[in-house]
């Protein structure tokens, strides 16, 4: 048995040159990347700020953390962040449904699908912060700019995932409806949507989980939510308020993560 194993190992191709080439390429890329990044380390002021942030986490402003007045404390700011992420996800998911069907070559002609994919790729290439700054110039700072930003950025990802679900559908249903002379609308309404509901909802929940984090970042540029008070507290060196906001964000994201994972698991597994 050992002799047979040794013979098989001798017959195996020598991958040392292949692995060595990959290792050399990766090492060269890492060195090249470090050459393009200016790493200056931490100065004394940076270390002091880091200590103050951790001190604020362990000694938060409890009055600010549990202030349930309208928009006056962490709960009100978190509620605004949740609302921005929820509305942005809902609007984006509804807009992504027709776009995803226009992207599917099994539903529409290939030229239409190609052009729609190019539009979606263009939407996805622009970061959410850039969209946020653009909408702030149009609507002014506030939650409305955050909702518009979340809606637009959600379209790119949700429509792309929707298309993957559409392309994995049971083709037998579509072929049967085509042979019956059904229109494109009838095929979508009665043959596709009933199969897609749970998968679409799972994708939407996943995107909401991402939008909740993005809504916090958008607040840093004035698009509503808890990000703006966070950056103002840091600039004013109110580290106890920073700790309160970070604690609220951690609790919120953990709760949403647990709830969304369980809900998506039930939707996928029926």
C-alpha atoms as a PDB file:
ATOM      1  CA  UNK A   1       0.000   0.000   0.000  1.00  0.00           C
ATOM      2  CA  UNK A   2       2.786   2.412   0.903  1.00  0.00           C
ATOM      3  CA  UNK A   3       4.569   1.535  -2.331  1.00  0.00           C
ATOM      4  CA  UNK A   4       1.438   2.289  -4.371  1.00  0.00           C
ATOM      5  CA  UNK A   5       1.020   5.618  -2.623  1.00  0.00           C
ATOM      6  CA  UNK A   6       4.649   6.485  -3.290  1.00  0.00           C
ATOM      7  CA  UNK A   7       4.237   5.642  -6.972  1.00  0.00           C
ATOM      8  CA  UNK A   8       1.178   7.875  -7.233  1.00  0.00           C
ATOM      9  CA  UNK A   9       3.048  10.723  -5.564  1.00  0.00           C
ATOM     10  CA  UNK A  10       5.888  10.325  -8.041  1.00  0.00           C
ATOM     11  CA  UNK A  11       3.419  10.533 -10.923  1.00  0.00           C
ATOM     12  CA  UNK A  12       1.864  13.702  -9.538  1.00  0.00           C
ATOM     13  CA  UNK A  13       2.933  16.888 -11.346  1.00  0.00           C
ATOM     14  CA  UNK A  14       5.583  19.000  -9.733  1.00  0.00           C
ATOM     15  CA  UNK A  15       3.855  22.161  -8.567  1.00  0.00           C
ATOM     16  CA  UNK A  16       6.861  23.740  -6.888  1.00  0.00           C
ATOM     17  CA  UNK A  17       7.572  26.068  -9.812  1.00  0.00           C
ATOM     18  CA  UNK A  18       3.898  27.077  -9.992  1.00  0.00           C
ATOM     19  CA  UNK A  19       3.631  27.775  -6.260  1.00  0.00           C
ATOM     20  CA  UNK A  20       6.978  29.576  -6.195  1.00  0.00           C
ATOM     21  CA  UNK A  21       5.853  31.840  -9.052  1.00  0.00           C
ATOM     22  CA  UNK A  22       2.642  32.718  -7.217  1.00  0.00           C
ATOM     23  CA  UNK A  23       4.575  33.425  -4.013  1.00  0.00           C
ATOM     24  CA  UNK A  24       6.996  35.724  -5.857  1.00  0.00           C
ATOM     25  CA  UNK A  25       4.145  37.606  -7.535  1.00  0.00           C
ATOM     26  CA  UNK A  26       2.277  38.072  -4.241  1.00  0.00           C
ATOM     27  CA  UNK A  27       5.441  39.233  -2.482  1.00  0.00           C
ATOM     28  CA  UNK A  28       6.132  41.744  -5.257  1.00  0.00           C
ATOM     29  CA  UNK A  29       2.552  43.049  -5.094  1.00  0.00           C
ATOM     30  CA  UNK A  30       2.748  43.460  -1.309  1.00  0.00           C
ATOM     31  CA  UNK A  31       6.043  45.360  -1.552  1.00  0.00           C
ATOM     32  CA  UNK A  32       4.650  47.516  -4.370  1.00  0.00           C
ATOM     33  CA  UNK A  33       1.536  48.275  -2.289  1.00  0.00           C
ATOM     34  CA  UNK A  34       3.599  49.333   0.732  1.00  0.00           C
ATOM     35  CA  UNK A  35       5.592  51.665  -1.506  1.00  0.00           C
ATOM     36  CA  UNK A  36       2.352  53.442  -2.453  1.00  0.00           C
ATOM     37  CA  UNK A  37       1.112  53.803   1.134  1.00  0.00           C
ATOM     38  CA  UNK A  38       2.639  56.359   3.448  1.00  0.00           C
ATOM     39  CA  UNK A  39       2.591  54.720   6.884  1.00  0.00           C
ATOM     40  CA  UNK A  40       3.533  57.302   9.491  1.00  0.00           C
ATOM     41  CA  UNK A  41       2.384  55.463  12.598  1.00  0.00           C
ATOM     42  CA  UNK A  42       0.737  57.040  15.647  1.00  0.00           C
ATOM     43  CA  UNK A  43       1.910  60.300  17.115  1.00  0.00           C
ATOM     44  CA  UNK A  44       1.428  61.317  20.728  1.00  0.00           C
ATOM     45  CA  UNK A  45      -1.787  63.224  20.060  1.00  0.00           C
ATOM     46  CA  UNK A  46      -3.271  60.284  18.151  1.00  0.00           C
ATOM     47  CA  UNK A  47      -2.561  57.908  21.016  1.00  0.00           C
ATOM     48  CA  UNK A  48      -4.131  60.353  23.472  1.00  0.00           C
ATOM     49  CA  UNK A  49      -7.294  60.580  21.340  1.00  0.00           C
ATOM     50  CA  UNK A  50      -7.449  56.782  21.102  1.00  0.00           C
ATOM     51  CA  UNK A  51      -7.237  56.514  24.896  1.00  0.00           C
ATOM     52  CA  UNK A  52      -9.997  59.097  25.272  1.00  0.00           C
ATOM     53  CA  UNK A  53     -12.253  57.174  22.891  1.00  0.00           C
ATOM     54  CA  UNK A  54     -11.815  53.948  24.851  1.00  0.00           C
ATOM     55  CA  UNK A  55     -12.330  55.852  28.090  1.00  0.00           C
ATOM     56  CA  UNK A  56     -15.586  57.209  26.689  1.00  0.00           C
ATOM     57  CA  UNK A  57     -16.724  53.691  25.824  1.00  0.00           C
ATOM     58  CA  UNK A  58     -16.295  52.579  29.434  1.00  0.00           C
ATOM     59  CA  UNK A  59     -17.695  55.786  30.945  1.00  0.00           C
ATOM     60  CA  UNK A  60     -20.549  56.804  28.615  1.00  0.00           C
ATOM     61  CA  UNK A  61     -22.972  59.638  29.188  1.00  0.00           C
ATOM     62  CA  UNK A  62     -25.888  57.603  30.557  1.00  0.00           C
ATOM     63  CA  UNK A  63     -28.295  60.527  30.450  1.00  0.00           C
ATOM     64  CA  UNK A  64     -27.604  60.984  26.734  1.00  0.00           C
ATOM     65  CA  UNK A  65     -27.708  57.222  26.142  1.00  0.00           C
ATOM     66  CA  UNK A  66     -31.161  56.789  27.697  1.00  0.00           C
ATOM     67  CA  UNK A  67     -32.699  60.094  26.651  1.00  0.00           C
ATOM     68  CA  UNK A  68     -35.921  59.078  24.871  1.00  0.00           C
ATOM     69  CA  UNK A  69     -37.049  62.588  23.980  1.00  0.00           C
ATOM     70  CA  UNK A  70     -37.689  63.281  20.302  1.00  0.00           C
ATOM     71  CA  UNK A  71     -34.270  63.365  18.637  1.00  0.00           C
ATOM     72  CA  UNK A  72     -32.602  64.501  21.854  1.00  0.00           C
ATOM     73  CA  UNK A  73     -30.716  61.344  22.752  1.00  0.00           C
ATOM     74  CA  UNK A  74     -29.209  58.209  21.330  1.00  0.00           C
ATOM     75  CA  UNK A  75     -32.553  56.327  20.954  1.00  0.00           C
ATOM     76  CA  UNK A  76     -34.061  59.122  18.857  1.00  0.00           C
ATOM     77  CA  UNK A  77     -30.961  59.365  16.663  1.00  0.00           C
ATOM     78  CA  UNK A  78     -30.906  55.594  16.204  1.00  0.00           C
ATOM     79  CA  UNK A  79     -34.576  55.638  15.251  1.00  0.00           C
ATOM     80  CA  UNK A  80     -33.844  58.240  12.569  1.00  0.00           C
ATOM     81  CA  UNK A  81     -30.993  56.074  11.264  1.00  0.00           C
ATOM     82  CA  UNK A  82     -33.262  53.014  11.169  1.00  0.00           C
ATOM     83  CA  UNK A  83     -35.939  54.981   9.316  1.00  0.00           C
ATOM     84  CA  UNK A  84     -33.458  56.268   6.715  1.00  0.00           C
ATOM     85  CA  UNK A  85     -32.114  52.763   6.077  1.00  0.00           C
ATOM     86  CA  UNK A  86     -35.611  51.223   5.961  1.00  0.00           C
ATOM     87  CA  UNK A  87     -37.120  53.764   3.556  1.00  0.00           C
ATOM     88  CA  UNK A  88     -34.030  53.682   1.349  1.00  0.00           C
ATOM     89  CA  UNK A  89     -34.144  49.884   1.208  1.00  0.00           C
ATOM     90  CA  UNK A  90     -37.875  49.779   0.438  1.00  0.00           C
ATOM     91  CA  UNK A  91     -37.697  52.368  -2.339  1.00  0.00           C
ATOM     92  CA  UNK A  92     -34.528  50.842  -3.774  1.00  0.00           C
ATOM     93  CA  UNK A  93     -35.930  47.313  -3.759  1.00  0.00           C
ATOM     94  CA  UNK A  94     -39.129  48.364  -5.530  1.00  0.00           C
ATOM     95  CA  UNK A  95     -37.169  50.258  -8.176  1.00  0.00           C
ATOM     96  CA  UNK A  96     -34.796  47.303  -8.577  1.00  0.00           C
ATOM     97  CA  UNK A  97     -37.610  44.874  -9.502  1.00  0.00           C
ATOM     98  CA  UNK A  98     -38.353  46.256 -13.015  1.00  0.00           C
ATOM     99  CA  UNK A  99     -34.660  46.985 -13.554  1.00  0.00           C
ATOM    100  CA  UNK A 100     -33.713  43.401 -12.718  1.00  0.00           C
ATOM    101  CA  UNK A 101     -36.206  42.036 -15.239  1.00  0.00           C
ATOM    102  CA  UNK A 102     -34.824  44.407 -17.873  1.00  0.00           C
ATOM    103  CA  UNK A 103     -31.350  43.028 -17.064  1.00  0.00           C
ATOM    104  CA  UNK A 104     -32.378  39.401 -17.530  1.00  0.00           C
ATOM    105  CA  UNK A 105     -31.697  38.074 -21.055  1.00  0.00           C
ATOM    106  CA  UNK A 106     -34.231  35.295 -20.500  1.00  0.00           C
ATOM    107  CA  UNK A 107     -37.013  37.873 -20.093  1.00  0.00           C
ATOM    108  CA  UNK A 108     -36.075  40.629 -22.556  1.00  0.00           C
ATOM    109  CA  UNK A 109     -33.907  40.844 -25.641  1.00  0.00           C
ATOM    110  CA  UNK A 110     -30.130  40.807 -25.204  1.00  0.00           C
ATOM    111  CA  UNK A 111     -29.565  44.427 -26.384  1.00  0.00           C
ATOM    112  CA  UNK A 112     -32.044  45.711 -23.774  1.00  0.00           C
ATOM    113  CA  UNK A 113     -30.428  43.567 -21.073  1.00  0.00           C
ATOM    114  CA  UNK A 114     -26.958  44.778 -22.069  1.00  0.00           C
ATOM    115  CA  UNK A 115     -27.890  48.473 -21.962  1.00  0.00           C
ATOM    116  CA  UNK A 116     -29.655  48.060 -18.608  1.00  0.00           C
ATOM    117  CA  UNK A 117     -26.624  46.289 -17.145  1.00  0.00           C
ATOM    118  CA  UNK A 118     -24.399  49.162 -18.263  1.00  0.00           C
ATOM    119  CA  UNK A 119     -26.673  51.642 -16.471  1.00  0.00           C
ATOM    120  CA  UNK A 120     -26.614  49.562 -13.285  1.00  0.00           C
ATOM    121  CA  UNK A 121     -22.824  49.207 -13.465  1.00  0.00           C
ATOM    122  CA  UNK A 122     -22.552  52.981 -13.739  1.00  0.00           C
ATOM    123  CA  UNK A 123     -24.775  53.392 -10.654  1.00  0.00           C
ATOM    124  CA  UNK A 124     -22.684  50.916  -8.676  1.00  0.00           C
ATOM    125  CA  UNK A 125     -19.339  52.515  -9.512  1.00  0.00           C
ATOM    126  CA  UNK A 126     -20.118  55.737  -7.621  1.00  0.00           C
ATOM    127  CA  UNK A 127     -19.638  55.459  -3.826  1.00  0.00           C
ATOM    128  CA  UNK A 128     -22.542  56.198  -1.515  1.00  0.00           C
ATOM    129  CA  UNK A 129     -20.706  59.134   0.073  1.00  0.00           C
ATOM    130  CA  UNK A 130     -20.474  60.829  -3.322  1.00  0.00           C
ATOM    131  CA  UNK A 131     -24.206  60.339  -3.863  1.00  0.00           C
ATOM    132  CA  UNK A 132     -24.809  61.716  -0.382  1.00  0.00           C
ATOM    133  CA  UNK A 133     -22.818  64.865  -1.082  1.00  0.00           C
ATOM    134  CA  UNK A 134     -24.656  65.309  -4.390  1.00  0.00           C
ATOM    135  CA  UNK A 135     -28.118  64.965  -2.844  1.00  0.00           C
ATOM    136  CA  UNK A 136     -27.190  67.272   0.035  1.00  0.00           C
ATOM    137  CA  UNK A 137     -26.480  69.970  -2.551  1.00  0.00           C
ATOM    138  CA  UNK A 138     -29.898  69.351  -4.123  1.00  0.00           C
ATOM    139  CA  UNK A 139     -32.153  68.855  -1.084  1.00  0.00           C
ATOM    140  CA  UNK A 140     -30.030  70.324   1.693  1.00  0.00           C
ATOM    141  CA  UNK A 141     -28.637  68.386   4.657  1.00  0.00           C
ATOM    142  CA  UNK A 142     -31.012  66.097   6.491  1.00  0.00           C
ATOM    143  CA  UNK A 143     -32.676  62.670   6.423  1.00  0.00           C
ATOM    144  CA  UNK A 144     -34.271  63.228   3.010  1.00  0.00           C
ATOM    145  CA  UNK A 145     -30.854  63.277   1.351  1.00  0.00           C
ATOM    146  CA  UNK A 146     -29.990  60.074   3.205  1.00  0.00           C
ATOM    147  CA  UNK A 147     -33.137  58.302   1.982  1.00  0.00           C
ATOM    148  CA  UNK A 148     -32.464  59.300  -1.633  1.00  0.00           C
ATOM    149  CA  UNK A 149     -28.870  58.130  -1.344  1.00  0.00           C
ATOM    150  CA  UNK A 150     -29.857  54.789   0.177  1.00  0.00           C
ATOM    151  CA  UNK A 151     -32.467  54.252  -2.516  1.00  0.00           C
ATOM    152  CA  UNK A 152     -30.067  54.888  -5.374  1.00  0.00           C
ATOM    153  CA  UNK A 153     -27.178  52.866  -3.975  1.00  0.00           C
ATOM    154  CA  UNK A 154     -29.499  49.965  -3.140  1.00  0.00           C
ATOM    155  CA  UNK A 155     -30.647  49.667  -6.749  1.00  0.00           C
ATOM    156  CA  UNK A 156     -27.235  48.591  -8.008  1.00  0.00           C
ATOM    157  CA  UNK A 157     -26.691  45.702  -5.601  1.00  0.00           C
ATOM    158  CA  UNK A 158     -30.298  44.535  -5.214  1.00  0.00           C
ATOM    159  CA  UNK A 159     -30.997  44.442  -8.954  1.00  0.00           C
ATOM    160  CA  UNK A 160     -27.790  42.458  -9.509  1.00  0.00           C
ATOM    161  CA  UNK A 161     -28.801  39.857  -6.923  1.00  0.00           C
ATOM    162  CA  UNK A 162     -32.367  39.820  -8.214  1.00  0.00           C
ATOM    163  CA  UNK A 163     -31.072  38.934 -11.673  1.00  0.00           C
ATOM    164  CA  UNK A 164     -29.146  35.965 -10.267  1.00  0.00           C
ATOM    165  CA  UNK A 165     -32.350  34.701  -8.689  1.00  0.00           C
ATOM    166  CA  UNK A 166     -34.323  35.228 -11.916  1.00  0.00           C
ATOM    167  CA  UNK A 167     -31.745  33.358 -13.997  1.00  0.00           C
ATOM    168  CA  UNK A 168     -31.991  30.322 -11.672  1.00  0.00           C
ATOM    169  CA  UNK A 169     -35.742  29.988 -12.060  1.00  0.00           C
ATOM    170  CA  UNK A 170     -37.516  26.871 -13.299  1.00  0.00           C
ATOM    171  CA  UNK A 171     -37.544  27.391 -17.069  1.00  0.00           C
ATOM    172  CA  UNK A 172     -40.319  24.876 -17.549  1.00  0.00           C
ATOM    173  CA  UNK A 173     -42.895  27.324 -16.245  1.00  0.00           C
ATOM    174  CA  UNK A 174     -41.755  30.057 -18.642  1.00  0.00           C
ATOM    175  CA  UNK A 175     -41.693  27.664 -21.597  1.00  0.00           C
ATOM    176  CA  UNK A 176     -45.207  26.467 -20.821  1.00  0.00           C
ATOM    177  CA  UNK A 177     -46.502  30.027 -20.574  1.00  0.00           C
ATOM    178  CA  UNK A 178     -44.723  30.980 -23.797  1.00  0.00           C
ATOM    179  CA  UNK A 179     -46.336  28.066 -25.622  1.00  0.00           C
ATOM    180  CA  UNK A 180     -49.719  29.284 -24.345  1.00  0.00           C
ATOM    181  CA  UNK A 181     -49.079  32.701 -25.912  1.00  0.00           C
ATOM    182  CA  UNK A 182     -48.692  34.625 -22.667  1.00  0.00           C
ATOM    183  CA  UNK A 183     -47.295  38.137 -22.803  1.00  0.00           C
ATOM    184  CA  UNK A 184     -44.139  39.232 -21.012  1.00  0.00           C
ATOM    185  CA  UNK A 185     -46.221  40.874 -18.272  1.00  0.00           C
ATOM    186  CA  UNK A 186     -48.234  37.683 -17.738  1.00  0.00           C
ATOM    187  CA  UNK A 187     -45.072  35.580 -17.534  1.00  0.00           C
ATOM    188  CA  UNK A 188     -43.599  37.937 -14.946  1.00  0.00           C
ATOM    189  CA  UNK A 189     -46.827  38.320 -12.938  1.00  0.00           C
ATOM    190  CA  UNK A 190     -48.021  34.715 -12.809  1.00  0.00           C
ATOM    191  CA  UNK A 191     -45.006  32.584 -13.619  1.00  0.00           C
ATOM    192  CA  UNK A 192     -42.048  34.357 -12.045  1.00  0.00           C
ATOM    193  CA  UNK A 193     -43.075  36.542  -9.108  1.00  0.00           C
ATOM    194  CA  UNK A 194     -44.655  33.682  -7.089  1.00  0.00           C
ATOM    195  CA  UNK A 195     -41.327  31.832  -7.302  1.00  0.00           C
ATOM    196  CA  UNK A 196     -39.241  34.889  -6.465  1.00  0.00           C
ATOM    197  CA  UNK A 197     -41.011  36.343  -3.451  1.00  0.00           C
ATOM    198  CA  UNK A 198     -39.042  34.628  -0.672  1.00  0.00           C
ATOM    199  CA  UNK A 199     -35.676  35.039  -2.422  1.00  0.00           C
ATOM    200  CA  UNK A 200     -36.349  38.698  -3.203  1.00  0.00           C
ATOM    201  CA  UNK A 201     -37.350  39.337   0.396  1.00  0.00           C
ATOM    202  CA  UNK A 202     -34.193  37.627   1.656  1.00  0.00           C
ATOM    203  CA  UNK A 203     -32.031  39.836  -0.587  1.00  0.00           C
ATOM    204  CA  UNK A 204     -33.908  42.943   0.576  1.00  0.00           C
ATOM    205  CA  UNK A 205     -33.331  42.082   4.241  1.00  0.00           C
ATOM    206  CA  UNK A 206     -29.647  41.541   3.550  1.00  0.00           C
ATOM    207  CA  UNK A 207     -29.427  44.940   1.852  1.00  0.00           C
ATOM    208  CA  UNK A 208     -31.212  46.600   4.761  1.00  0.00           C
ATOM    209  CA  UNK A 209     -28.549  45.228   7.075  1.00  0.00           C
ATOM    210  CA  UNK A 210     -25.916  46.912   4.890  1.00  0.00           C
ATOM    211  CA  UNK A 211     -27.884  50.147   4.553  1.00  0.00           C
ATOM    212  CA  UNK A 212     -28.105  50.463   8.314  1.00  0.00           C
ATOM    213  CA  UNK A 213     -24.314  50.700   8.479  1.00  0.00           C
ATOM    214  CA  UNK A 214     -24.126  52.986   5.443  1.00  0.00           C
ATOM    215  CA  UNK A 215     -26.738  55.312   6.957  1.00  0.00           C
ATOM    216  CA  UNK A 216     -24.425  55.860   9.912  1.00  0.00           C
ATOM    217  CA  UNK A 217     -21.558  56.783   7.588  1.00  0.00           C
ATOM    218  CA  UNK A 218     -23.775  59.081   5.523  1.00  0.00           C
ATOM    219  CA  UNK A 219     -24.609  60.997   8.675  1.00  0.00           C
ATOM    220  CA  UNK A 220     -20.977  62.071   8.797  1.00  0.00           C
ATOM    221  CA  UNK A 221     -21.531  64.219   5.695  1.00  0.00           C
ATOM    222  CA  UNK A 222     -24.858  65.612   6.901  1.00  0.00           C
ATOM    223  CA  UNK A 223     -27.317  63.141   5.346  1.00  0.00           C
ATOM    224  CA  UNK A 224     -29.219  62.576   8.580  1.00  0.00           C
ATOM    225  CA  UNK A 225     -28.926  59.835  11.154  1.00  0.00           C
ATOM    226  CA  UNK A 226     -26.584  59.372  14.062  1.00  0.00           C
ATOM    227  CA  UNK A 227     -23.369  59.993  12.114  1.00  0.00           C
ATOM    228  CA  UNK A 228     -23.519  63.784  12.342  1.00  0.00           C
ATOM    229  CA  UNK A 229     -23.851  63.905  16.169  1.00  0.00           C
ATOM    230  CA  UNK A 230     -21.018  61.366  16.343  1.00  0.00           C
ATOM    231  CA  UNK A 231     -18.602  63.504  14.344  1.00  0.00           C
ATOM    232  CA  UNK A 232     -19.680  66.677  16.191  1.00  0.00           C
ATOM    233  CA  UNK A 233     -19.051  64.980  19.546  1.00  0.00           C
ATOM    234  CA  UNK A 234     -15.610  63.850  18.408  1.00  0.00           C
ATOM    235  CA  UNK A 235     -14.675  67.295  17.147  1.00  0.00           C
ATOM    236  CA  UNK A 236     -15.799  68.814  20.452  1.00  0.00           C
ATOM    237  CA  UNK A 237     -13.867  66.180  22.439  1.00  0.00           C
ATOM    238  CA  UNK A 238     -17.054  65.040  24.220  1.00  0.00           C
ATOM    239  CA  UNK A 239     -15.819  61.483  24.570  1.00  0.00           C
ATOM    240  CA  UNK A 240     -18.556  60.363  26.947  1.00  0.00           C
ATOM    241  CA  UNK A 241     -21.140  61.197  24.259  1.00  0.00           C
ATOM    242  CA  UNK A 242     -19.000  59.392  21.680  1.00  0.00           C
ATOM    243  CA  UNK A 243     -19.036  56.334  23.912  1.00  0.00           C
ATOM    244  CA  UNK A 244     -22.819  56.529  24.292  1.00  0.00           C
ATOM    245  CA  UNK A 245     -23.337  56.750  20.520  1.00  0.00           C
ATOM    246  CA  UNK A 246     -20.948  53.873  19.810  1.00  0.00           C
ATOM    247  CA  UNK A 247     -22.626  51.676  22.414  1.00  0.00           C
ATOM    248  CA  UNK A 248     -26.009  52.411  20.872  1.00  0.00           C
ATOM    249  CA  UNK A 249     -24.708  51.585  17.400  1.00  0.00           C
ATOM    250  CA  UNK A 250     -23.156  48.307  18.532  1.00  0.00           C
ATOM    251  CA  UNK A 251     -26.354  47.196  20.270  1.00  0.00           C
ATOM    252  CA  UNK A 252     -28.504  48.194  17.289  1.00  0.00           C
ATOM    253  CA  UNK A 253     -26.356  46.488  14.662  1.00  0.00           C
ATOM    254  CA  UNK A 254     -26.037  43.299  16.732  1.00  0.00           C
ATOM    255  CA  UNK A 255     -29.811  43.146  17.244  1.00  0.00           C
ATOM    256  CA  UNK A 256     -30.523  43.731  13.552  1.00  0.00           C
ATOM    257  CA  UNK A 257     -27.853  41.213  12.567  1.00  0.00           C
ATOM    258  CA  UNK A 258     -29.349  38.462  14.727  1.00  0.00           C
ATOM    259  CA  UNK A 259     -32.916  39.193  13.657  1.00  0.00           C
ATOM    260  CA  UNK A 260     -32.125  39.486   9.942  1.00  0.00           C
ATOM    261  CA  UNK A 261     -30.046  36.284   9.891  1.00  0.00           C
ATOM    262  CA  UNK A 262     -32.826  34.272  11.501  1.00  0.00           C
ATOM    263  CA  UNK A 263     -35.464  35.753   9.218  1.00  0.00           C
ATOM    264  CA  UNK A 264     -33.419  35.170   6.063  1.00  0.00           C
ATOM    265  CA  UNK A 265     -32.673  31.600   7.145  1.00  0.00           C
ATOM    266  CA  UNK A 266     -36.384  30.899   7.555  1.00  0.00           C
ATOM    267  CA  UNK A 267     -37.186  32.471   4.194  1.00  0.00           C
ATOM    268  CA  UNK A 268     -34.505  30.500   2.344  1.00  0.00           C
ATOM    269  CA  UNK A 269     -35.300  27.193   4.054  1.00  0.00           C
ATOM    270  CA  UNK A 270     -39.056  27.685   3.889  1.00  0.00           C
END
